[in-house]
């Protein structure tokens, strides 16, 4: 559980760094279309900045959600494998102990 939680936190931190870099580059104008291409540039307007922040937050939430789902899937798979190993060990131990406890007439 500790390893999976650490992996989740690292994934969220890396995703937030990438999205911060993406938003910073877009705010500096690297994502703007070339002049004369016929599209209006709304990155400088307040509405464009709000939309950019909302999009970045939504994308970060999606990444965190995907990391959380991945964490849950990994946890379920680990439990499945460990439960199978534990059951096999229990059956092996019971095959040695069981005949001493049970009497058949």
N, C-alpha and C. Protein backbone atom coordinates (compact mmCIF):
# COMPACT_ATOMS: atom_id res chain seq x y z
N UNK A 1 0.82 -1.19 0.00
CA UNK A 1 0.00 0.00 0.00
C UNK A 1 0.87 1.26 0.00
N UNK A 2 1.94 1.23 0.76
CA UNK A 2 2.82 2.40 0.83
C UNK A 2 3.45 2.67 -0.54
N UNK A 3 3.88 1.61 -1.20
CA UNK A 3 4.50 1.77 -2.53
C UNK A 3 3.49 2.31 -3.53
N UNK A 4 2.26 1.78 -3.50
CA UNK A 4 1.24 2.27 -4.42
C UNK A 4 0.87 3.72 -4.13
N UNK A 5 0.77 4.08 -2.86
CA UNK A 5 0.47 5.47 -2.51
C UNK A 5 1.61 6.40 -2.95
N UNK A 6 2.84 5.96 -2.79
CA UNK A 6 3.98 6.77 -3.24
C UNK A 6 3.97 6.94 -4.75
N UNK A 7 3.66 5.86 -5.47
CA UNK A 7 3.57 5.94 -6.93
C UNK A 7 2.47 6.91 -7.35
N UNK A 8 1.34 6.87 -6.66
CA UNK A 8 0.24 7.79 -6.95
C UNK A 8 0.68 9.24 -6.74
N UNK A 9 1.33 9.52 -5.64
CA UNK A 9 1.76 10.89 -5.36
C UNK A 9 2.80 11.37 -6.37
N UNK A 10 3.70 10.50 -6.78
CA UNK A 10 4.70 10.87 -7.78
C UNK A 10 4.02 11.15 -9.12
N UNK A 11 3.05 10.32 -9.49
CA UNK A 11 2.34 10.52 -10.77
C UNK A 11 1.58 11.85 -10.77
N UNK A 12 0.93 12.18 -9.68
CA UNK A 12 0.21 13.45 -9.60
C UNK A 12 1.18 14.62 -9.63
N UNK A 13 2.31 14.52 -8.95
CA UNK A 13 3.30 15.60 -8.95
C UNK A 13 3.88 15.82 -10.34
N UNK A 14 4.22 14.74 -11.03
CA UNK A 14 4.76 14.86 -12.38
C UNK A 14 3.73 15.45 -13.33
N UNK A 15 2.48 15.00 -13.20
CA UNK A 15 1.42 15.53 -14.06
C UNK A 15 1.21 17.02 -13.82
N UNK A 16 1.24 17.43 -12.57
CA UNK A 16 1.05 18.86 -12.29
C UNK A 16 2.21 19.69 -12.83
N UNK A 17 3.43 19.15 -12.79
CA UNK A 17 4.58 19.87 -13.35
C UNK A 17 4.42 20.03 -14.86
N UNK A 18 4.00 18.97 -15.54
CA UNK A 18 3.80 19.05 -16.99
C UNK A 18 2.70 20.04 -17.34
N UNK A 19 1.61 20.02 -16.58
CA UNK A 19 0.52 20.94 -16.88
C UNK A 19 0.90 22.38 -16.56
N UNK A 20 1.68 22.59 -15.52
CA UNK A 20 2.15 23.94 -15.21
C UNK A 20 3.03 24.46 -16.35
N UNK A 21 3.89 23.60 -16.85
CA UNK A 21 4.75 24.00 -17.97
C UNK A 21 3.91 24.31 -19.20
N UNK A 22 2.87 23.50 -19.44
CA UNK A 22 2.00 23.72 -20.59
C UNK A 22 1.27 25.06 -20.48
N UNK A 23 0.73 25.34 -19.31
CA UNK A 23 0.00 26.59 -19.10
C UNK A 23 0.96 27.77 -19.19
N UNK A 24 2.16 27.64 -18.66
CA UNK A 24 3.13 28.73 -18.71
C UNK A 24 3.54 29.04 -20.15
N UNK A 25 3.76 28.01 -20.94
CA UNK A 25 4.11 28.23 -22.34
C UNK A 25 2.96 28.86 -23.11
N UNK A 26 1.74 28.41 -22.82
CA UNK A 26 0.58 28.99 -23.50
C UNK A 26 0.39 30.44 -23.10
N UNK A 27 0.65 30.76 -21.83
CA UNK A 27 0.49 32.15 -21.37
C UNK A 27 1.55 33.06 -21.99
N UNK A 28 2.71 32.52 -22.31
CA UNK A 28 3.77 33.33 -22.92
C UNK A 28 3.56 33.51 -24.42
N UNK A 29 2.59 32.80 -24.97
CA UNK A 29 2.27 33.01 -26.38
C UNK A 29 2.83 31.97 -27.30
N UNK A 30 3.43 30.89 -26.78
CA UNK A 30 3.99 29.87 -27.67
C UNK A 30 2.90 29.06 -28.36
N UNK A 31 1.69 29.07 -27.82
CA UNK A 31 0.61 28.32 -28.43
C UNK A 31 -0.27 29.17 -29.32
N UNK A 32 0.09 30.44 -29.55
CA UNK A 32 -0.73 31.35 -30.36
C UNK A 32 -0.55 31.08 -31.85
N UNK A 33 -1.62 31.28 -32.60
CA UNK A 33 -1.49 31.11 -34.05
C UNK A 33 -0.69 32.25 -34.67
N UNK A 34 -0.15 32.02 -35.82
CA UNK A 34 0.63 33.04 -36.53
C UNK A 34 -0.29 34.17 -36.98
N UNK A 35 0.26 35.39 -37.05
CA UNK A 35 -0.57 36.52 -37.50
C UNK A 35 -1.08 36.29 -38.92
N UNK A 36 -2.34 36.67 -39.12
CA UNK A 36 -2.91 36.54 -40.45
C UNK A 36 -3.48 35.17 -40.75
N UNK A 37 -3.57 34.28 -39.78
CA UNK A 37 -4.09 32.94 -40.09
C UNK A 37 -5.60 32.90 -39.98
N UNK A 38 -6.23 34.02 -39.59
CA UNK A 38 -7.68 34.09 -39.60
C UNK A 38 -8.34 33.69 -38.28
N UNK A 39 -7.57 33.34 -37.27
CA UNK A 39 -8.15 32.96 -35.98
C UNK A 39 -7.89 34.09 -34.98
N UNK A 40 -8.91 34.37 -34.16
CA UNK A 40 -8.75 35.41 -33.15
C UNK A 40 -7.96 34.84 -31.97
N UNK A 41 -7.08 35.65 -31.45
CA UNK A 41 -6.25 35.22 -30.32
C UNK A 41 -6.91 35.69 -29.03
N UNK A 42 -7.36 34.74 -28.21
CA UNK A 42 -8.05 35.12 -26.97
C UNK A 42 -7.21 34.83 -25.74
N UNK A 43 -5.92 34.50 -25.90
CA UNK A 43 -5.10 34.17 -24.75
C UNK A 43 -4.81 35.40 -23.90
N UNK A 44 -4.82 36.59 -24.52
CA UNK A 44 -4.53 37.80 -23.77
C UNK A 44 -5.74 38.36 -23.05
N UNK A 45 -6.95 37.97 -23.45
CA UNK A 45 -8.14 38.51 -22.81
C UNK A 45 -8.40 37.80 -21.49
N UNK A 46 -9.09 38.47 -20.56
CA UNK A 46 -9.38 37.82 -19.27
C UNK A 46 -10.22 36.55 -19.43
N UNK A 47 -11.16 36.55 -20.34
CA UNK A 47 -11.97 35.35 -20.57
C UNK A 47 -11.13 34.19 -21.08
N UNK A 48 -10.15 34.49 -21.92
CA UNK A 48 -9.26 33.45 -22.43
C UNK A 48 -8.36 32.88 -21.35
N UNK A 49 -7.91 33.73 -20.45
CA UNK A 49 -7.07 33.26 -19.35
C UNK A 49 -7.87 32.39 -18.38
N UNK A 50 -9.12 32.78 -18.12
CA UNK A 50 -9.97 31.98 -17.23
C UNK A 50 -10.23 30.62 -17.85
N UNK A 51 -10.53 30.61 -19.14
CA UNK A 51 -10.78 29.34 -19.83
C UNK A 51 -9.53 28.46 -19.81
N UNK A 52 -8.37 29.08 -19.98
CA UNK A 52 -7.12 28.33 -19.96
C UNK A 52 -6.87 27.72 -18.58
N UNK A 53 -7.15 28.47 -17.52
CA UNK A 53 -6.97 27.96 -16.17
C UNK A 53 -7.96 26.84 -15.88
N UNK A 54 -9.22 27.01 -16.30
CA UNK A 54 -10.23 25.97 -16.09
C UNK A 54 -9.86 24.71 -16.85
N UNK A 55 -9.38 24.86 -18.08
CA UNK A 55 -8.96 23.69 -18.86
C UNK A 55 -7.77 22.98 -18.20
N UNK A 56 -6.83 23.76 -17.67
CA UNK A 56 -5.68 23.15 -17.00
C UNK A 56 -6.11 22.42 -15.73
N UNK A 57 -7.03 23.02 -14.97
CA UNK A 57 -7.53 22.35 -13.76
C UNK A 57 -8.31 21.09 -14.10
N UNK A 58 -9.12 21.15 -15.16
CA UNK A 58 -9.88 19.97 -15.56
C UNK A 58 -8.94 18.85 -16.02
N UNK A 59 -7.92 19.22 -16.76
CA UNK A 59 -6.96 18.21 -17.21
C UNK A 59 -6.19 17.62 -16.04
N UNK A 60 -5.83 18.46 -15.07
CA UNK A 60 -5.14 17.96 -13.87
C UNK A 60 -6.04 17.02 -13.08
N UNK A 61 -7.32 17.36 -12.99
CA UNK A 61 -8.26 16.49 -12.29
C UNK A 61 -8.40 15.16 -13.01
N UNK A 62 -8.40 15.19 -14.34
CA UNK A 62 -8.48 13.94 -15.11
C UNK A 62 -7.24 13.09 -14.88
N UNK A 63 -6.08 13.71 -14.86
CA UNK A 63 -4.85 12.96 -14.62
C UNK A 63 -4.84 12.37 -13.22
N UNK A 64 -5.28 13.15 -12.22
CA UNK A 64 -5.33 12.64 -10.85
C UNK A 64 -6.35 11.51 -10.75
N UNK A 65 -7.48 11.65 -11.42
CA UNK A 65 -8.49 10.58 -11.42
C UNK A 65 -7.98 9.31 -12.08
N UNK A 66 -7.29 9.47 -13.21
CA UNK A 66 -6.72 8.30 -13.89
C UNK A 66 -5.65 7.64 -13.02
N UNK A 67 -4.85 8.45 -12.35
CA UNK A 67 -3.84 7.88 -11.44
C UNK A 67 -4.51 7.16 -10.28
N UNK A 68 -5.61 7.70 -9.78
CA UNK A 68 -6.34 7.05 -8.70
C UNK A 68 -6.94 5.72 -9.13
N UNK A 69 -7.52 5.69 -10.34
CA UNK A 69 -8.08 4.44 -10.86
C UNK A 69 -6.97 3.42 -11.07
N UNK A 70 -5.85 3.86 -11.59
CA UNK A 70 -4.71 2.96 -11.78
C UNK A 70 -4.24 2.41 -10.44
N UNK A 71 -4.22 3.27 -9.43
CA UNK A 71 -3.84 2.83 -8.08
C UNK A 71 -4.80 1.76 -7.57
N UNK A 72 -6.09 1.96 -7.76
CA UNK A 72 -7.08 0.98 -7.30
C UNK A 72 -6.96 -0.34 -8.05
N UNK A 73 -6.71 -0.27 -9.35
CA UNK A 73 -6.55 -1.50 -10.14
C UNK A 73 -5.30 -2.25 -9.69
N UNK A 74 -4.20 -1.54 -9.48
CA UNK A 74 -2.98 -2.20 -8.99
C UNK A 74 -3.18 -2.80 -7.61
N UNK A 75 -3.90 -2.10 -6.76
CA UNK A 75 -4.19 -2.62 -5.42
C UNK A 75 -5.02 -3.90 -5.52
N UNK A 76 -6.04 -3.91 -6.38
CA UNK A 76 -6.86 -5.10 -6.55
C UNK A 76 -6.06 -6.28 -7.08
N UNK A 77 -5.20 -6.02 -8.06
CA UNK A 77 -4.37 -7.11 -8.61
C UNK A 77 -3.39 -7.65 -7.57
N UNK A 78 -2.79 -6.75 -6.78
CA UNK A 78 -1.88 -7.20 -5.73
C UNK A 78 -2.61 -8.04 -4.69
N UNK A 79 -3.81 -7.60 -4.31
CA UNK A 79 -4.58 -8.39 -3.34
C UNK A 79 -4.95 -9.75 -3.89
N UNK A 80 -5.30 -9.82 -5.17
CA UNK A 80 -5.65 -11.09 -5.79
C UNK A 80 -4.48 -12.06 -5.75
N UNK A 81 -3.29 -11.58 -6.12
CA UNK A 81 -2.10 -12.43 -6.13
C UNK A 81 -1.74 -12.85 -4.71
N UNK A 82 -1.75 -11.90 -3.78
CA UNK A 82 -1.37 -12.23 -2.40
C UNK A 82 -2.40 -13.14 -1.74
N UNK A 83 -3.68 -12.96 -2.03
CA UNK A 83 -4.70 -13.86 -1.46
C UNK A 83 -4.53 -15.28 -1.98
N UNK A 84 -4.20 -15.41 -3.25
CA UNK A 84 -3.97 -16.75 -3.81
C UNK A 84 -2.76 -17.42 -3.14
N UNK A 85 -1.70 -16.67 -2.94
CA UNK A 85 -0.52 -17.23 -2.27
C UNK A 85 -0.84 -17.61 -0.82
N UNK A 86 -1.59 -16.75 -0.14
CA UNK A 86 -1.95 -17.03 1.24
C UNK A 86 -2.84 -18.26 1.35
N UNK A 87 -3.80 -18.39 0.41
CA UNK A 87 -4.67 -19.56 0.41
C UNK A 87 -3.88 -20.84 0.13
N UNK A 88 -2.94 -20.78 -0.79
CA UNK A 88 -2.10 -21.96 -1.09
C UNK A 88 -1.27 -22.34 0.13
N UNK A 89 -0.71 -21.35 0.83
CA UNK A 89 0.07 -21.65 2.03
C UNK A 89 -0.81 -22.22 3.13
N UNK A 90 -2.04 -21.70 3.26
CA UNK A 90 -2.95 -22.22 4.27
C UNK A 90 -3.34 -23.66 3.97
N UNK A 91 -3.63 -23.94 2.69
CA UNK A 91 -3.99 -25.32 2.31
C UNK A 91 -2.83 -26.28 2.55
N UNK A 92 -1.62 -25.84 2.28
CA UNK A 92 -0.45 -26.67 2.52
C UNK A 92 -0.28 -26.95 4.02
N UNK A 93 -0.44 -25.93 4.83
CA UNK A 93 -0.32 -26.11 6.27
C UNK A 93 -1.46 -26.96 6.82
N UNK A 94 -2.66 -26.81 6.28
CA UNK A 94 -3.79 -27.59 6.76
C UNK A 94 -3.66 -29.06 6.37
N UNK A 95 -3.03 -29.32 5.24
CA UNK A 95 -2.85 -30.73 4.84
C UNK A 95 -1.94 -31.46 5.83
N UNK A 96 -1.07 -30.74 6.52
CA UNK A 96 -0.23 -31.34 7.55
C UNK A 96 -0.94 -31.40 8.91
N UNK A 97 -1.70 -30.36 9.24
CA UNK A 97 -2.34 -30.26 10.54
C UNK A 97 -3.71 -30.93 10.58
N UNK A 98 -4.42 -30.87 9.49
CA UNK A 98 -5.79 -31.38 9.43
C UNK A 98 -5.96 -32.83 9.87
N UNK A 99 -5.12 -33.75 9.41
CA UNK A 99 -5.30 -35.14 9.83
C UNK A 99 -5.16 -35.34 11.34
N UNK A 100 -4.40 -34.49 12.02
CA UNK A 100 -4.27 -34.62 13.47
C UNK A 100 -5.54 -34.17 14.20
N UNK A 101 -6.26 -33.26 13.62
CA UNK A 101 -7.43 -32.69 14.27
C UNK A 101 -8.70 -33.48 13.98
N UNK A 102 -8.75 -34.05 12.81
CA UNK A 102 -9.97 -34.77 12.43
C UNK A 102 -9.79 -36.25 12.65
N UNK A 103 -10.84 -36.87 13.11
CA UNK A 103 -10.81 -38.34 13.27
C UNK A 103 -11.91 -38.93 12.42
N UNK A 104 -11.58 -39.96 11.77
CA UNK A 104 -12.56 -40.62 10.91
C UNK A 104 -12.81 -42.00 11.48
N UNK A 105 -14.04 -42.26 11.71
CA UNK A 105 -14.41 -43.57 12.24
C UNK A 105 -14.91 -44.49 11.16
